[in-house]
Amino acid sequence: MIISVENLVKDYGNARVLNIEALQLNEGIYVILGSNGSGKSTLISLISGLLKPSSGNILYNGKKFDASIRNHISVLVQKPYLFKKSSYENIISGLKFKKINKEEIELRLEKYLHYLDVELLLRKKSHWLSGGERAKIALLRTAVLETEVTILDEPTAAMDIESTFKAEELLKEIAANKRTVIVVTHDVFQARRIADYVLFMDKGKVIEIGHKDDVLDNPQSPLLKQILNK
């Protein structure tokens, strides 16, 4: 899916938190970097339809956001909610909501579960899970949906290093078959490992965007140069 942003503005009262003249996202993994308050979460909330812009447009293959577009976008927020059910029920909840048949559900579980080694957690209730375990279940719940666009806000922040590396392989799998994956992270090293493209934000604007090697190895923005040199 091609996502095009045109003169996108988001205001909260008198505060302008986002102001992007033009931006286009195609297939592949886009990693959004930037400090706290730079507009990262606001941007993905607008793209996902969780927020409405104050002005401007976001187009999806040339169309404005509607119910049909919503069905092709999945979102993993920074602090995801798990239902008070088993991990298994949490993972398949979106598929059941979409009325996916049982055979297809089992095929998708088989396809993705091995990435994060959660087989022993499947019958465990969500309130018994650790923070890292909850993050794994939430990521798998998003992955099995296989939407054209997948948006993830700090998906591995609660995971240990080993689990993070496994989750990153899952993110690459999600991006297969010409899908678009948008990941917000503070981890520059993670961006190097998984990104096709890096988008750097500051004060509600996109300061730099391009192939990860260009942005991370030869940044044009003085601010980004300063951050990467630290």
Protein backbone atom coordinates (compact mmCIF):
# COMPACT_ATOMS: atom_id res chain seq x y z
CA MET A 1 0.00 0.00 0.00
CA ILE A 2 1.26 3.48 -0.86
CA ILE A 3 0.65 5.95 1.97
CA SER A 4 0.88 9.61 0.97
CA VAL A 5 0.88 12.51 3.42
CA GLU A 6 -0.05 15.98 2.18
CA ASN A 7 0.22 19.13 4.34
CA LEU A 8 -0.52 17.14 7.48
CA VAL A 9 -1.04 19.19 10.62
CA LYS A 10 -2.04 18.16 14.14
CA ASP A 11 -2.76 20.78 16.80
CA TYR A 12 -3.65 20.41 20.45
CA GLY A 13 -5.12 23.74 21.45
CA ASN A 14 -2.51 26.35 20.54
CA ALA A 15 0.28 23.81 20.34
CA ARG A 16 1.24 22.46 16.90
CA VAL A 17 2.66 18.98 17.48
CA LEU A 18 2.94 17.83 13.87
CA ASN A 19 3.52 19.65 10.60
CA ILE A 20 4.55 17.56 7.58
CA GLU A 21 4.29 18.99 4.07
CA ALA A 22 4.82 15.76 2.13
CA LEU A 23 5.71 12.16 2.88
CA GLN A 24 5.30 8.90 0.97
CA LEU A 25 5.67 5.40 2.39
CA ASN A 26 5.74 2.35 0.13
CA GLU A 27 6.47 -1.31 0.86
CA GLY A 28 9.26 -2.33 3.22
CA ILE A 29 10.23 -1.57 6.82
CA TYR A 30 10.28 2.10 7.83
CA VAL A 31 11.84 2.88 11.20
CA ILE A 32 10.93 6.23 12.76
CA LEU A 33 13.57 7.74 15.03
CA GLY A 34 13.44 10.88 17.15
CA SER A 35 13.53 12.11 20.71
CA ASN A 36 10.53 12.15 23.05
CA GLY A 37 8.01 14.72 21.86
CA SER A 38 9.30 14.73 18.30
CA GLY A 39 5.94 13.62 16.87
CA LYS A 40 6.63 9.94 16.21
CA SER A 41 3.60 8.53 18.03
CA THR A 42 1.35 11.32 16.74
CA LEU A 43 2.33 10.51 13.16
CA ILE A 44 1.60 6.80 13.44
CA SER A 45 -1.65 7.49 15.28
CA LEU A 46 -2.76 9.68 12.37
CA ILE A 47 -1.69 7.13 9.75
CA SER A 48 -3.51 4.36 11.59
CA GLY A 49 -6.70 6.39 11.92
CA LEU A 50 -6.55 6.50 15.72
CA LEU A 51 -6.31 10.30 15.48
CA LYS A 52 -7.82 12.76 13.04
CA PRO A 53 -5.63 15.50 11.56
CA SER A 54 -6.33 19.15 12.23
CA SER A 55 -5.77 19.73 8.52
CA GLY A 56 -4.20 18.03 5.54
CA ASN A 57 -4.68 14.58 4.07
CA ILE A 58 -3.41 11.04 4.34
CA LEU A 59 -4.12 8.92 1.27
CA TYR A 60 -3.94 5.15 1.01
CA ASN A 61 -3.41 4.07 -2.61
CA GLY A 62 -4.97 7.42 -3.45
CA LYS A 63 -8.01 6.98 -1.20
CA LYS A 64 -8.94 8.72 2.04
CA PHE A 65 -9.25 6.71 5.24
CA ASP A 66 -12.48 4.73 5.59
CA ALA A 67 -13.67 1.38 6.95
CA SER A 68 -12.19 -0.55 4.04
CA ILE A 69 -8.76 1.02 4.65
CA ARG A 70 -9.01 0.30 8.38
CA ASN A 71 -9.30 -3.42 7.63
CA HIS A 72 -5.89 -3.34 5.95
CA ILE A 73 -4.05 -1.68 8.84
CA SER A 74 -3.03 -3.25 12.15
CA VAL A 75 -1.55 -1.32 15.07
CA LEU A 76 0.50 -2.31 18.10
CA VAL A 77 0.51 0.55 20.61
CA GLN A 78 3.33 1.12 23.07
CA LYS A 79 1.39 -0.29 26.03
CA PRO A 80 -0.92 -2.88 24.47
CA TYR A 81 -3.97 -4.18 26.28
CA LEU A 82 -4.40 -7.91 26.68
CA PHE A 83 -7.80 -9.44 27.36
CA LYS A 84 -8.24 -11.35 30.63
CA LYS A 85 -8.00 -14.62 28.75
CA SER A 86 -5.30 -17.11 27.81
CA SER A 87 -2.38 -16.10 25.61
CA TYR A 88 -3.82 -18.33 22.88
CA GLU A 89 -7.15 -16.51 22.98
CA ASN A 90 -5.39 -13.15 22.93
CA ILE A 91 -3.29 -14.06 19.89
CA ILE A 92 -6.25 -15.25 17.83
CA SER A 93 -8.73 -12.59 19.02
CA GLY A 94 -8.30 -10.38 15.95
CA LEU A 95 -8.66 -13.32 13.59
CA LYS A 96 -11.86 -14.43 15.31
CA PHE A 97 -13.20 -10.90 15.09
CA LYS A 98 -12.52 -10.98 11.34
CA LYS A 99 -14.32 -14.35 11.22
CA ILE A 100 -11.27 -16.21 9.90
CA ASN A 101 -11.94 -19.95 9.81
CA LYS A 102 -10.33 -22.31 12.31
CA GLU A 103 -8.07 -24.00 9.77
CA GLU A 104 -6.59 -20.68 8.65
CA ILE A 105 -6.13 -19.60 12.27
CA GLU A 106 -4.11 -22.73 13.02
CA LEU A 107 -2.01 -22.25 9.89
CA ARG A 108 -1.12 -18.71 10.91
CA LEU A 109 -0.29 -19.79 14.45
CA GLU A 110 2.03 -22.46 13.08
CA LYS A 111 3.64 -19.87 10.81
CA TYR A 112 4.46 -17.33 13.53
CA LEU A 113 4.59 -18.92 16.99
CA HIS A 114 8.09 -20.37 16.61
CA TYR A 115 9.62 -16.89 16.25
CA LEU A 116 9.06 -16.03 19.91
CA ASP A 117 8.98 -19.43 21.69
CA VAL A 118 5.66 -18.87 23.44
CA GLU A 119 4.24 -22.38 23.23
CA LEU A 120 4.47 -22.82 27.00
CA LEU A 121 2.56 -19.57 27.51
CA LEU A 122 -0.45 -20.36 25.33
CA ARG A 123 -2.70 -21.61 28.15
CA LYS A 124 -1.43 -19.05 30.64
CA LYS A 125 -3.77 -16.19 31.58
CA SER A 126 -2.60 -12.74 30.52
CA HIS A 127 -2.43 -11.37 34.08
CA TRP A 128 0.18 -14.01 34.97
CA LEU A 129 2.55 -12.91 32.21
CA SER A 130 5.67 -10.81 32.70
CA GLY A 131 6.10 -7.56 30.78
CA GLY A 132 8.30 -9.23 28.19
CA GLU A 133 5.87 -12.11 27.76
CA ARG A 134 2.96 -9.73 27.31
CA ALA A 135 4.94 -7.89 24.63
CA LYS A 136 5.51 -11.17 22.76
CA ILE A 137 1.82 -12.10 22.84
CA ALA A 138 0.78 -8.63 21.68
CA LEU A 139 3.28 -8.73 18.81
CA LEU A 140 2.07 -12.15 17.70
CA ARG A 141 -1.55 -10.98 17.89
CA THR A 142 -0.60 -8.24 15.44
CA ALA A 143 1.53 -10.45 13.19
CA VAL A 144 -1.14 -13.10 12.55
CA LEU A 145 -3.47 -10.48 11.08
CA GLU A 146 -1.20 -10.20 8.00
CA THR A 147 -2.45 -6.75 7.07
CA GLU A 148 -1.05 -4.69 4.22
CA VAL A 149 0.17 -2.09 6.71
CA THR A 150 1.47 -2.92 10.19
CA ILE A 151 2.30 -0.11 12.62
CA LEU A 152 4.26 -0.81 15.80
CA ASP A 153 5.19 1.60 18.58
CA GLU A 154 8.28 0.39 20.50
CA PRO A 155 7.31 -3.29 20.02
CA THR A 156 10.42 -4.74 21.70
CA ALA A 157 10.94 -2.19 24.51
CA ALA A 158 9.93 -4.68 27.23
CA MET A 159 11.85 -7.65 25.79
CA ASP A 160 15.30 -8.96 26.69
CA ILE A 161 18.07 -8.96 24.07
CA GLU A 162 17.51 -12.54 22.88
CA SER A 163 13.77 -12.02 22.50
CA THR A 164 14.36 -8.69 20.75
CA PHE A 165 16.51 -10.35 18.10
CA LYS A 166 13.85 -13.02 17.53
CA ALA A 167 11.14 -10.37 17.37
CA GLU A 168 13.14 -8.49 14.75
CA GLU A 169 13.16 -11.60 12.56
CA LEU A 170 9.39 -11.69 12.96
CA LEU A 171 9.15 -8.05 11.88
CA LYS A 172 11.05 -8.93 8.71
CA GLU A 173 8.60 -11.76 8.10
CA ILE A 174 5.66 -9.38 8.56
CA ALA A 175 7.15 -7.10 5.91
CA ALA A 176 7.40 -9.91 3.36
CA ASN A 177 5.01 -10.15 0.42
CA LYS A 178 5.24 -6.42 -0.35
CA ARG A 179 3.76 -5.24 2.94
CA THR A 180 4.48 -1.95 4.70
CA VAL A 181 5.78 -2.04 8.28
CA ILE A 182 6.25 1.17 10.29
CA VAL A 183 8.23 0.84 13.52
CA VAL A 184 8.79 3.54 16.11
CA THR A 185 11.92 2.99 18.22
CA HIS A 186 14.59 4.87 20.14
CA ASP A 187 17.14 2.18 19.29
CA VAL A 188 19.45 3.25 16.44
CA PHE A 189 21.07 -0.20 16.46
CA GLN A 190 17.66 -1.78 15.93
CA ALA A 191 17.09 0.57 13.02
CA ARG A 192 20.34 -0.66 11.46
CA ARG A 193 19.29 -4.27 11.90
CA ILE A 194 15.76 -4.17 10.53
CA ALA A 195 15.07 -1.02 8.52
CA ASP A 196 14.86 -0.61 4.79
CA TYR A 197 14.26 3.10 5.31
CA VAL A 198 14.79 5.46 8.25
CA LEU A 199 12.68 8.50 8.99
CA PHE A 200 14.06 10.97 11.56
CA MET A 201 11.70 13.41 13.25
CA ASP A 202 12.18 16.50 15.42
CA LYS A 203 9.65 19.01 16.75
CA GLY A 204 6.80 17.56 14.71
CA LYS A 205 8.62 17.61 11.39
CA VAL A 206 10.37 15.02 9.24
CA ILE A 207 13.97 16.19 9.26
CA GLU A 208 15.38 13.39 7.14
CA ILE A 209 14.16 10.29 5.33
CA GLY A 210 15.86 7.80 3.06
CA HIS A 211 17.52 4.41 2.77
CA LYS A 212 18.91 3.38 6.14
CA ASP A 213 22.52 3.38 4.96
CA ASP A 214 22.20 6.92 3.63
CA VAL A 215 20.46 8.31 6.71
CA LEU A 216 22.51 6.51 9.36
CA ASP A 217 25.94 6.56 7.68
CA ASN A 218 25.77 9.88 5.87
CA PRO A 219 23.11 12.05 7.55
CA GLN A 220 22.50 15.51 6.13
CA SER A 221 20.75 16.95 9.20
CA PRO A 222 23.16 18.60 11.71
CA LEU A 223 20.96 17.39 14.58
CA LEU A 224 21.00 13.80 13.37
CA LYS A 225 24.77 13.98 12.85
CA GLN A 226 25.12 15.15 16.45
CA ILE A 227 22.90 12.35 17.79
CA LEU A 228 24.66 9.62 15.83
CA ASN A 229 28.09 10.84 16.85
CA LYS A 230 27.29 10.56 20.55
